[in-house]
Amino acid sequence: MKYLLLLSSLVFGEGQVFMEAPNPCDHYLILLAEKEGLKAIPISQLLKFEKLVEECERNGGRSRIRQMYTNDWKRDYERAKTMASWTSTHAVCVFVTFGYYFLGKIFATKPGN
């Protein structure tokens, strides 16, 4: 009887025991980093992401990881071309104010001359 149960479980089983482990390069964190950039990864998941990157590189995904980092650098470069954030706007305002102040100091005439 127990041989019949063993045989039926082998025949009708799903067979997931013998399947290969999933590819770490297809993990959702790596796909998110490729699509949205490295800054889209939550801070709580960074250690797991680093482990996945190492496993992916070991499994032959070195060029894919390199391309992911290159795309992130290019994305940052394109965003940094325009001064569209509060910090850069503030820096320009401060620079212009200092410029006008020192130009006024240089070219100002003293009263009575």
Foldseek 3Di string as FASTA:
>chain_A
DVVVVVVCCVVPPPPPVPDDDDQLCPDPLNVCCQPPNPVVDDPVCVVVVVVSVVSNVVVPCPVVVVVSVVVNVVVVVVVVVDPDDPVSVVVVVVVVVVVVVVVCVVPPDDPPD
